[in-house]
């Protein structure tokens, strides 16, 4: 498949943007910092989540941002953010559904980023990197704008790892000759399953301080202690 033949379906891209907009608005509407956000702030965060991944993907690839080539992206992100803000109480009662949608959105952005990078001729490892950045880019922008610690830098559910795993599976399947669409579907499924398992079973990478303590304990255990 050539660059001119590869086009992410508009409905799929807008679905990811819309779901991301809702999630961003839900996060922002419940934000309790020094100053609460007004409706404009909530909408801006929703737009960042919905469109941030695609913007980062295209900037890294050095191509025109697709999200700025059509009216529908901003319209969809803004509308989804407003819906998420107005119906935040309803959505919060559907927490399990939101978590599931969040996992799918991560998979979608990761798959779109990796697929586009591969079709543009990038090697497997950079393609996986770009897909992973696209998957978590919106949340990174959100945290920076809100002045929060960047979530992927701290102990928590494995959403960055889930995204990277799905992107790696996609790139590997494509390298083995699988059609890019089939590989993308498998990659989305892998990301979604890993993310959901991480949330359900509270799985996360070990804290680096804990690793350091284990290392020190292992080293000091071999040091003989001379008793007086």
Protein backbone atom coordinates (compact mmCIF):
# COMPACT_ATOMS: atom_id res chain seq x y z
CA UNK A 1 0.00 0.00 0.00
CA UNK A 2 1.42 3.38 -0.99
CA UNK A 3 1.15 6.68 0.82
CA UNK A 4 -1.48 7.93 -1.62
CA UNK A 5 -3.57 4.81 -1.08
CA UNK A 6 -3.42 4.90 2.70
CA UNK A 7 -6.26 6.89 4.19
CA UNK A 8 -7.57 6.50 7.73
CA UNK A 9 -11.37 6.29 7.36
CA UNK A 10 -12.90 9.59 8.42
CA UNK A 11 -15.56 7.85 10.53
CA UNK A 12 -12.90 5.91 12.44
CA UNK A 13 -10.75 8.99 13.03
CA UNK A 14 -13.76 11.04 14.16
CA UNK A 15 -14.88 8.22 16.46
CA UNK A 16 -11.52 8.28 18.22
CA UNK A 17 -11.58 12.08 18.37
CA UNK A 18 -15.13 12.14 19.76
CA UNK A 19 -14.46 9.54 22.43
CA UNK A 20 -11.28 11.33 23.39
CA UNK A 21 -13.18 14.61 23.64
CA UNK A 22 -15.73 13.07 26.01
CA UNK A 23 -13.01 11.58 28.20
CA UNK A 24 -11.09 14.84 28.34
CA UNK A 25 -14.20 16.75 29.35
CA UNK A 26 -15.03 14.18 32.04
CA UNK A 27 -11.54 14.54 33.49
CA UNK A 28 -11.59 18.34 33.34
CA UNK A 29 -15.10 18.72 34.76
CA UNK A 30 -14.03 16.84 37.89
CA UNK A 31 -10.71 18.67 38.20
CA UNK A 32 -10.23 20.25 41.62
CA UNK A 33 -7.10 22.32 41.61
CA UNK A 34 -6.42 25.73 43.01
CA UNK A 35 -8.94 27.06 40.52
CA UNK A 36 -11.80 25.10 39.00
CA UNK A 37 -12.13 25.12 35.21
CA UNK A 38 -14.85 27.08 33.46
CA UNK A 39 -16.75 25.58 30.49
CA UNK A 40 -14.20 26.96 28.02
CA UNK A 41 -11.38 25.29 29.93
CA UNK A 42 -13.26 21.98 29.94
CA UNK A 43 -13.81 22.21 26.18
CA UNK A 44 -10.13 23.02 25.57
CA UNK A 45 -9.05 19.95 27.53
CA UNK A 46 -11.56 17.84 25.61
CA UNK A 47 -10.15 19.11 22.32
CA UNK A 48 -6.59 18.41 23.45
CA UNK A 49 -7.45 14.81 24.32
CA UNK A 50 -9.46 14.30 21.16
CA UNK A 51 -7.04 15.88 18.70
CA UNK A 52 -3.69 15.88 20.51
CA UNK A 53 -2.65 12.38 19.52
CA UNK A 54 -3.26 12.98 15.83
CA UNK A 55 -1.44 16.32 15.91
CA UNK A 56 1.62 14.82 17.61
CA UNK A 57 1.62 11.88 15.17
CA UNK A 58 1.59 14.09 12.09
CA UNK A 59 4.15 16.54 13.49
CA UNK A 60 6.55 13.68 14.21
CA UNK A 61 5.98 12.33 10.71
CA UNK A 62 6.53 15.74 9.15
CA UNK A 63 3.23 15.78 7.29
CA UNK A 64 0.28 18.17 7.30
CA UNK A 65 -1.89 17.54 10.38
CA UNK A 66 -4.98 15.72 9.14
CA UNK A 67 -7.01 17.09 12.02
CA UNK A 68 -6.59 20.60 10.60
CA UNK A 69 -7.56 19.67 7.04
CA UNK A 70 -11.27 19.22 7.74
CA UNK A 71 -13.90 21.14 9.70
CA UNK A 72 -15.23 17.94 11.21
CA UNK A 73 -12.37 17.28 13.62
CA UNK A 74 -12.75 20.48 15.62
CA UNK A 75 -16.54 20.28 15.41
CA UNK A 76 -16.53 16.69 16.65
CA UNK A 77 -14.01 17.32 19.45
CA UNK A 78 -15.85 20.44 20.65
CA UNK A 79 -19.28 18.82 20.51
CA UNK A 80 -18.03 15.71 22.32
CA UNK A 81 -16.39 17.84 25.01
CA UNK A 82 -19.63 19.77 25.58
CA UNK A 83 -21.61 16.54 25.79
CA UNK A 84 -19.08 15.10 28.25
CA UNK A 85 -19.30 18.24 30.40
CA UNK A 86 -23.10 18.51 30.39
CA UNK A 87 -23.66 14.79 31.02
CA UNK A 88 -20.70 14.22 33.33
CA UNK A 89 -22.90 12.92 36.17
CA UNK A 90 -24.54 10.39 33.86
CA UNK A 91 -21.23 9.24 32.38
CA UNK A 92 -19.65 8.82 35.81
CA UNK A 93 -22.30 6.24 36.68
CA UNK A 94 -21.11 4.26 33.66
CA UNK A 95 -17.54 4.05 34.88
CA UNK A 96 -16.95 0.56 33.47
CA UNK A 97 -18.12 1.66 30.03
CA UNK A 98 -15.88 4.73 30.12
CA UNK A 99 -12.86 2.61 31.08
CA UNK A 100 -13.60 0.27 28.20
CA UNK A 101 -13.94 3.16 25.75
CA UNK A 102 -10.72 4.66 27.06
CA UNK A 103 -8.89 1.41 26.30
CA UNK A 104 -10.31 1.31 22.78
CA UNK A 105 -9.38 4.96 22.13
CA UNK A 106 -5.79 4.32 23.18
CA UNK A 107 -5.71 1.38 20.81
CA UNK A 108 -7.20 3.40 17.95
CA UNK A 109 -4.75 6.29 18.22
CA UNK A 110 -1.82 3.89 18.58
CA UNK A 111 -2.92 1.83 15.58
CA UNK A 112 -3.50 4.88 13.39
CA UNK A 113 -0.10 6.34 14.27
CA UNK A 114 1.83 3.11 13.73
CA UNK A 115 0.03 2.28 10.49
CA UNK A 116 0.64 5.71 9.02
CA UNK A 117 4.31 5.61 10.01
CA UNK A 118 4.80 2.18 8.43
CA UNK A 119 3.08 3.18 5.20
CA UNK A 120 5.29 6.28 4.99
CA UNK A 121 8.31 3.97 5.06
CA UNK A 122 9.55 4.28 8.63
CA UNK A 123 11.31 1.27 10.21
CA UNK A 124 9.45 -0.82 12.76
CA UNK A 125 10.93 0.66 15.94
CA UNK A 126 10.33 4.34 15.05
CA UNK A 127 6.84 3.42 13.82
CA UNK A 128 6.04 1.83 17.19
CA UNK A 129 7.43 4.92 18.95
CA UNK A 130 5.24 7.26 16.91
CA UNK A 131 2.17 5.09 17.49
CA UNK A 132 2.81 5.07 21.22
CA UNK A 133 3.26 8.86 21.26
CA UNK A 134 -0.01 9.27 19.37
CA UNK A 135 -1.78 7.02 21.88
CA UNK A 136 -0.66 8.93 24.98
CA UNK A 137 -0.02 12.37 23.43
CA UNK A 138 -3.41 13.82 24.29
CA UNK A 139 -3.13 12.92 27.97
CA UNK A 140 0.40 14.34 28.11
CA UNK A 141 -0.81 17.67 26.69
CA UNK A 142 -3.71 17.63 29.16
CA UNK A 143 -1.41 17.19 32.15
CA UNK A 144 0.98 19.90 30.96
CA UNK A 145 -1.85 22.40 30.37
CA UNK A 146 -3.37 21.67 33.79
CA UNK A 147 0.00 21.84 35.54
CA UNK A 148 -0.25 18.24 36.72
CA UNK A 149 2.49 15.59 36.91
CA UNK A 150 2.57 13.81 33.55
CA UNK A 151 0.68 10.58 34.21
CA UNK A 152 2.85 8.25 32.13
CA UNK A 153 5.90 9.25 34.20
CA UNK A 154 4.44 7.89 37.42
CA UNK A 155 3.30 4.57 38.83
CA UNK A 156 -0.15 3.66 37.55
CA UNK A 157 -2.11 1.49 35.16
CA UNK A 158 -0.18 0.34 32.13
CA UNK A 159 -1.80 2.47 29.46
CA UNK A 160 1.50 3.54 27.87
CA UNK A 161 2.78 -0.04 28.01
CA UNK A 162 -0.52 -1.28 26.61
CA UNK A 163 -0.26 1.18 23.73
CA UNK A 164 3.34 0.21 22.98
CA UNK A 165 2.48 -3.50 23.07
CA UNK A 166 -0.41 -3.06 20.64
CA UNK A 167 1.73 -0.94 18.32
CA UNK A 168 4.52 -3.53 18.43
CA UNK A 169 2.12 -6.34 17.56
CA UNK A 170 0.75 -4.29 14.67
CA UNK A 171 4.22 -3.50 13.33
CA UNK A 172 5.35 -7.12 13.74
CA UNK A 173 2.30 -8.51 11.97
CA UNK A 174 2.75 -6.03 9.13
CA UNK A 175 6.42 -6.95 8.81
CA UNK A 176 5.39 -10.61 8.49
CA UNK A 177 3.15 -9.73 5.56
CA UNK A 178 -0.25 -9.25 7.20
CA UNK A 179 -2.54 -6.63 5.61
CA UNK A 180 -2.21 -3.32 7.43
CA UNK A 181 -5.94 -3.22 8.29
CA UNK A 182 -5.90 -6.72 9.80
CA UNK A 183 -2.70 -5.92 11.70
CA UNK A 184 -4.29 -2.71 13.03
CA UNK A 185 -7.35 -4.59 14.30
CA UNK A 186 -5.13 -7.07 16.13
CA UNK A 187 -3.03 -4.23 17.57
CA UNK A 188 -6.13 -2.42 18.84
CA UNK A 189 -7.37 -5.64 20.46
CA UNK A 190 -4.02 -6.23 22.20
CA UNK A 191 -3.89 -2.68 23.58
CA UNK A 192 -7.49 -2.85 24.76
CA UNK A 193 -7.08 -6.19 26.54
CA UNK A 194 -3.83 -5.22 28.28
CA UNK A 195 -5.28 -1.89 29.41
CA UNK A 196 -8.46 -3.49 30.76
CA UNK A 197 -6.54 -6.24 32.58
CA UNK A 198 -4.27 -3.60 34.13
CA UNK A 199 -7.28 -1.66 35.43
CA UNK A 200 -9.28 -4.68 36.62
CA UNK A 201 -6.36 -6.33 38.42
CA UNK A 202 -4.56 -3.09 39.38
CA UNK A 203 -1.38 -4.08 37.55
CA UNK A 204 1.44 -1.56 37.25
CA UNK A 205 5.18 -1.48 36.82
CA UNK A 206 7.12 -1.61 40.11
CA UNK A 207 8.12 1.69 41.61
CA UNK A 208 11.74 2.53 40.85
CA UNK A 209 12.45 3.24 44.54
CA UNK A 210 11.27 -0.26 45.38
CA UNK A 211 13.66 -1.65 42.76
CA UNK A 212 16.47 0.40 44.27
CA UNK A 213 15.70 -0.90 47.76
CA UNK A 214 15.74 -4.48 46.48
CA UNK A 215 19.07 -3.87 44.78
CA UNK A 216 20.58 -2.40 47.96
CA UNK A 217 19.21 -5.28 50.01
CA UNK A 218 20.71 -7.82 47.62
CA UNK A 219 24.08 -6.08 47.66
CA UNK A 220 24.26 -5.61 51.42
CA UNK A 221 23.16 -9.19 52.07
CA UNK A 222 26.47 -10.41 50.70
CA UNK A 223 28.50 -8.14 52.98
CA UNK A 224 29.77 -10.07 55.99
CA UNK A 225 28.85 -8.52 59.32
CA UNK A 226 31.57 -8.80 61.94
CA UNK A 227 30.14 -8.98 65.41
CA UNK A 228 32.27 -7.71 68.27
